[in-house]
Amino acid sequence: MVEKTFPKTKVWTTTTPYFEIRNIHFYVNKCGFKIVKLSNLSDKFNDIEELEWFFDFEKIMNN
């Protein structure tokens, strides 16, 4: 529904915690995203020293 609402979007991106296995399955197997990076909060925000890991996803649209 979101993709139909914004048909001119070329690339969709999202992020989810690595321990959320159901989210990973949903984005990859149901929505067609690809995992493009494994990162942690300190990669995204320089002032955070936590090591909470996340997967970054990307979906390139065939417009």
Protein backbone atom coordinates (compact mmCIF):
# COMPACT_ATOMS: atom_id res chain seq x y z
CA MET A 1 0.00 0.00 0.00
CA VAL A 2 2.83 2.42 0.83
CA GLU A 3 4.60 1.66 -2.45
CA LYS A 4 1.40 2.38 -4.39
CA THR A 5 0.94 5.64 -2.48
CA PHE A 6 4.46 6.80 -3.47
CA PRO A 7 5.04 5.29 -6.93
CA LYS A 8 7.90 7.64 -7.84
CA THR A 9 10.11 6.38 -4.99
CA LYS A 10 13.21 4.75 -6.48
CA VAL A 11 14.77 3.25 -3.32
CA TRP A 12 13.19 2.27 -0.01
CA THR A 13 15.37 1.85 3.08
CA THR A 14 14.71 0.67 6.61
CA THR A 15 16.55 -0.60 9.67
CA THR A 16 15.73 -3.25 12.27
CA PRO A 17 17.57 -4.71 15.28
CA TYR A 18 19.51 -7.88 14.48
CA PHE A 19 17.71 -9.90 17.17
CA GLU A 20 14.28 -9.29 15.60
CA ILE A 21 14.28 -12.43 13.46
CA ARG A 22 10.62 -12.00 12.45
CA ASN A 23 11.33 -8.49 11.14
CA ILE A 24 14.29 -9.74 9.10
CA HIS A 25 12.18 -12.55 7.61
CA PHE A 26 9.36 -10.10 6.82
CA TYR A 27 11.52 -7.50 5.08
CA VAL A 28 13.63 -9.99 3.09
CA ASN A 29 11.18 -12.77 2.26
CA LYS A 30 7.85 -10.94 2.14
CA CYS A 31 8.73 -7.39 1.05
CA GLY A 32 11.73 -7.99 -1.23
CA PHE A 33 14.33 -5.96 0.68
CA LYS A 34 18.01 -6.91 0.69
CA ILE A 35 20.33 -6.59 3.66
CA VAL A 36 22.98 -4.02 2.74
CA LYS A 37 24.77 -3.46 6.05
CA LEU A 38 25.20 -4.65 9.61
CA SER A 39 25.86 -1.67 11.84
CA ASN A 40 25.63 -0.56 15.43
CA LEU A 41 24.34 2.61 17.04
CA SER A 42 27.84 4.05 17.38
CA ASP A 43 28.13 3.87 13.55
CA LYS A 44 24.99 6.00 13.18
CA PHE A 45 25.46 8.38 16.11
CA ASN A 46 28.96 9.44 17.10
CA ASP A 47 28.04 10.28 20.69
CA ILE A 48 26.67 6.78 21.53
CA GLU A 49 29.05 4.07 22.69
CA GLU A 50 26.54 1.20 22.86
CA LEU A 51 27.02 -1.86 20.70
CA GLU A 52 23.42 -2.56 19.75
CA TRP A 53 23.47 -4.14 16.29
CA PHE A 54 21.10 -3.39 13.41
CA PHE A 55 20.53 -4.58 9.87
CA ASP A 56 20.06 -1.91 7.20
CA PHE A 57 17.78 -2.95 4.33
CA GLU A 58 17.27 -1.56 0.85
CA LYS A 59 14.72 -2.18 -1.88
CA ILE A 60 15.31 -0.77 -5.35
CA MET A 61 12.09 -0.28 -7.26
CA ASN A 62 11.68 -1.28 -10.91
CA ASN A 63 9.82 1.81 -12.15
